[in-house]
Protein backbone atom coordinates (compact mmCIF):
# COMPACT_ATOMS: atom_id res chain seq x y z
CA MET A 1 61.58 155.56 102.03
CA SER A 2 58.74 153.28 102.66
CA VAL A 3 58.41 150.00 104.32
CA SER A 4 56.52 147.01 103.79
CA GLN A 5 55.20 144.07 105.88
CA ASN A 6 53.56 141.17 103.65
CA LEU A 7 52.19 137.97 105.56
CA THR A 8 52.31 134.52 103.40
CA VAL A 9 48.80 133.95 102.99
CA GLN A 10 47.59 131.28 100.31
CA MET A 11 44.83 132.67 98.10
CA HIS A 12 41.68 130.50 98.13
CA GLN A 13 37.98 131.79 96.37
CA GLN A 14 35.22 131.43 98.18
CA ASP A 15 33.27 128.14 97.23
CA THR A 16 30.10 129.80 96.98
CA SER A 17 28.47 133.41 96.54
CA TYR A 18 27.99 133.86 100.28
CA TYR A 19 31.19 132.17 101.75
CA CYS A 20 33.62 134.94 101.98
CA GLY A 21 33.74 134.61 105.58
CA ALA A 22 34.48 130.73 105.23
CA ALA A 23 37.13 131.40 102.72
CA CYS A 24 38.72 134.39 104.75
CA ALA A 25 38.86 131.87 107.62
CA GLN A 26 40.37 129.21 105.40
CA MET A 27 43.01 131.00 104.14
CA VAL A 28 44.19 132.84 107.93
CA LEU A 29 44.12 129.64 109.70
CA GLU A 30 45.88 127.58 106.97
CA SER A 31 48.57 130.34 106.80
CA MET A 32 48.71 129.81 110.79
CA GLY A 33 49.37 126.19 110.57
CA ALA A 34 45.93 124.63 110.99
CA GLY A 35 46.07 123.17 107.57
CA LEU A 36 43.39 123.43 104.60
CA LEU A 37 40.02 123.40 106.33
CA ASP A 38 36.74 122.82 104.56
CA GLN A 39 34.99 125.73 103.67
CA ASP A 40 31.23 124.27 104.19
CA ASP A 41 32.45 123.15 107.85
CA LEU A 42 34.00 126.84 108.48
CA TYR A 43 30.78 128.22 106.95
CA ALA A 44 28.46 126.24 109.23
CA ASP A 45 30.51 127.03 112.26
CA ASN A 46 30.51 130.68 111.57
CA HIS A 47 26.92 130.81 110.93
CA SER A 48 25.90 128.89 113.95
CA HIS A 49 27.75 131.08 116.13
CA SER A 50 26.65 134.57 114.90
CA THR A 51 24.38 136.33 117.20
CA ILE A 52 24.93 140.17 117.15
CA ASP A 53 24.02 142.43 114.51
CA THR A 54 21.19 140.08 113.45
CA GLY A 55 19.40 142.79 111.40
CA VAL A 56 22.38 142.84 108.72
CA ASN A 57 21.41 139.06 107.83
CA TRP A 58 25.30 138.30 107.80
CA ALA A 59 25.95 134.88 106.09
CA THR A 60 29.02 135.16 108.43
CA GLY A 61 28.31 137.53 111.39
CA PRO A 62 31.62 139.19 113.29
CA ASP A 63 31.09 137.06 116.40
CA GLY A 64 30.70 133.90 114.30
CA LEU A 65 33.88 134.54 112.34
CA GLN A 66 35.68 135.08 115.77
CA TRP A 67 34.28 132.29 117.51
CA THR A 68 35.28 130.03 114.60
CA MET A 69 38.93 131.66 114.34
CA MET A 70 39.50 131.12 118.53
CA ASP A 71 38.04 127.27 118.00
CA ARG A 72 40.16 126.36 115.12
CA ARG A 73 43.46 128.41 115.66
CA PRO A 74 46.40 125.78 116.16
CA PRO A 75 47.61 125.17 119.41
CA SER A 76 50.84 126.98 118.55
CA PHE A 77 48.89 130.46 118.44
CA THR A 78 48.59 131.62 121.98
CA ASN A 79 46.98 135.05 121.22
CA TYR A 80 43.26 135.60 120.95
CA PHE A 81 40.98 136.98 117.78
CA ALA A 82 39.30 139.97 118.93
CA LEU A 83 36.27 142.17 117.35
CA TYR A 84 37.02 146.18 116.88
CA ALA A 85 34.40 148.58 115.80
CA LEU A 86 36.56 151.97 116.11
CA ASP A 87 35.28 155.43 115.17
CA THR A 88 37.50 156.19 112.07
CA GLU A 89 38.83 154.42 109.00
CA ASP A 90 42.21 156.01 110.18
CA LEU A 91 41.90 153.84 113.60
CA ILE A 92 40.86 151.00 111.92
CA SER A 93 43.66 151.01 109.51
CA ARG A 94 46.18 151.45 112.19
CA LYS A 95 44.67 148.69 114.02
CA LEU A 96 45.19 146.41 110.91
CA CYS A 97 48.81 147.44 110.64
CA TRP A 98 49.66 146.80 114.17
CA THR A 99 48.04 143.32 114.08
CA ILE A 100 50.03 142.21 111.05
CA ARG A 101 53.39 144.08 112.25
CA HIS A 102 52.95 142.73 115.89
CA TYR A 103 51.03 139.64 116.14
CA GLN A 104 52.34 138.19 112.40
CA VAL A 105 48.76 137.37 111.72
CA ALA A 106 46.54 138.57 109.01
CA PRO A 107 43.36 140.06 110.16
CA ILE A 108 39.92 139.63 108.32
CA ALA A 109 38.03 143.03 107.41
CA PRO A 110 34.51 143.65 106.61
CA HIS A 111 32.50 146.73 105.80
CA ALA A 112 31.96 148.91 108.71
CA ARG A 113 28.79 149.32 110.58
CA ASP A 114 28.31 152.73 112.58
CA LEU A 115 25.54 151.31 114.99
CA ARG A 116 25.06 154.81 116.52
CA LEU A 117 24.16 156.42 113.33
CA GLY A 118 21.94 153.75 112.51
CA ARG A 119 24.03 153.69 109.09
CA ARG A 120 26.84 151.55 107.47
CA ARG A 121 30.12 152.83 106.20
CA ARG A 122 30.63 149.90 103.43
CA LEU A 123 34.15 149.54 103.15
CA VAL A 124 34.66 146.61 100.55
CA TYR A 125 32.63 146.48 97.46
CA GLY A 126 29.60 148.40 99.25
CA TRP A 127 28.24 145.49 100.39
CA ASP A 128 28.46 142.72 103.54
CA HIS A 129 31.89 141.22 102.51
CA TRP A 130 34.86 139.97 104.20
CA ILE A 131 38.68 140.22 102.79
CA VAL A 132 42.13 139.01 104.32
CA VAL A 133 44.54 141.84 104.75
CA ARG A 134 47.76 140.43 104.58
CA GLY A 135 50.25 143.26 104.24
CA TYR A 136 50.91 147.18 103.97
CA THR A 137 53.08 149.56 102.73
CA ALA A 138 53.61 152.69 104.90
CA SER A 139 56.35 155.57 105.71
CA ALA A 140 57.39 153.26 108.96
CA HIS A 141 56.36 150.25 110.76
CA PRO A 142 53.96 150.92 113.64
CA SER A 143 55.91 151.16 116.95
CA SER A 144 52.97 150.66 119.34
CA SER A 145 49.05 150.26 118.77
CA ALA A 146 48.72 153.83 119.24
CA ASP A 147 51.64 154.79 117.05
CA ASN A 148 49.97 157.66 114.60
CA GLY A 149 53.25 158.74 113.64
CA TYR A 150 53.38 156.95 110.09
CA THR A 151 51.60 157.33 106.94
CA ILE A 152 49.80 154.07 105.40
CA ASP A 153 50.44 154.01 101.58
CA ALA A 154 48.32 150.80 100.76
CA PHE A 155 46.91 147.30 102.03
CA ASP A 156 47.99 144.17 100.31
CA ILE A 157 44.83 142.20 100.28
CA ASN A 158 43.26 138.46 99.48
CA ASN A 159 39.84 139.03 98.14
CA PRO A 160 38.12 135.63 97.94
CA TRP A 161 35.59 137.04 95.31
CA PRO A 162 34.48 135.75 92.87
CA PRO A 163 33.09 132.15 93.96
CA THR A 164 34.43 129.29 92.30
CA PRO A 165 34.19 128.22 89.61
CA SER A 166 34.86 131.47 87.92
CA ALA A 167 32.96 131.90 84.69
CA ASP A 168 35.98 134.50 83.57
CA THR A 169 38.55 131.99 83.68
CA PRO A 170 37.79 128.53 84.43
CA ALA A 171 41.12 127.36 84.33
CA LEU A 172 42.51 129.64 87.18
CA ALA A 173 39.72 128.83 89.48
CA PRO A 174 38.85 125.13 89.66
CA PRO A 175 36.23 124.13 91.77
CA PRO A 176 37.07 122.96 95.56
CA PRO A 177 38.75 121.19 96.88
CA HIS A 178 41.43 123.58 97.28
CA SER A 179 45.29 122.55 96.99
CA ALA A 180 48.10 125.11 97.81
CA ALA A 181 48.91 124.79 94.11
CA ASP A 182 45.85 125.84 92.90
CA GLY A 183 45.17 128.87 90.67
CA CYS A 184 42.37 130.66 92.31
CA GLY A 185 43.76 134.18 93.15
CA SER A 186 47.46 134.43 91.94
CA GLY A 187 46.82 137.99 90.99
CA GLY A 188 44.52 140.49 89.54
CA ASP A 189 41.51 141.33 91.35
CA ARG A 190 41.64 138.46 93.63
CA GLY A 191 45.20 138.32 94.86
CA LEU A 192 46.34 142.11 95.08
């Protein structure tokens, strides 16, 4: 029998072709009670605080996103946001499950870069792109951060791509500002 953990994270599309990090920050911070923050403002914060891995030319670098999440987290959230670069997809996947289960907050995940080998492991669409991992299905819930005695069957994600307004279905992807009732990602490729 499998178990699932799925956090409530309102889906929002990215407002430009390079605002995936800002859209992910918007979704997670809103789910934590910080309100619906502006993607332009979040992007400026993310981008101006990125200093590591500059050769990748991130629109939102990992350290900039971490800085923004720490700076904009609501006072009720007393934990911290951390960067993890783990050696295998299995370790990364288990860290995602543990974060969702233990901290009750959705992690933001990019492609992975293996700096030791000088190559990228592109996990999301084969390019530099951020998504929100809001849930998982597994054989059991993790009992600790080191638990490897369960099998992960699936992750539930909020993918902010494509940007708004969507050429595919303009009625479902209105341009910003976003609201809790907008249709930008209620299923299909964007919300599953």
